[in-house]
Amino acid sequence: MEQRQARVVIPDHLSFTDLRLKRPETGKIEFEWDVVKQICESSEGLPIEHLENGLEDNVVGLILGWYLVIRENGGEADPVPEELLAEVMENEAESASRDDESGLT
């Protein structure tokens, strides 16, 4: 599988809250695609098709990456991405545990 390097640029006029990120009772993640499109247009090597038509993990990765940068720079916590991060960490821990049990490295 081919991996691509992208240089993600968040336009100065955008803020994380512009995503209007939410997660209703269905568990599905909802956000403003227009914000993601603007990020793709400002970035190098980040085609919108990769996010729109690819795995949900692709766009979630972009959103959580942006959020982590904000948090690292002293930004306020947001419950939706915090919940998503906790789930990602839990899934990674479970995957690592399964790999350890199977003897895979």
Foldseek 3Di string as FASTA:
>chain_A
DDDDDKFWDQDPVDDLCQQVWDQPPVRDIGGDVVNVVVRQVVMGPRDVCCCVVHDVVVVLVVSLVRVVVCVVVPHDDDVPSVVVVVVVVVVVVVVVVVCVVVVHD
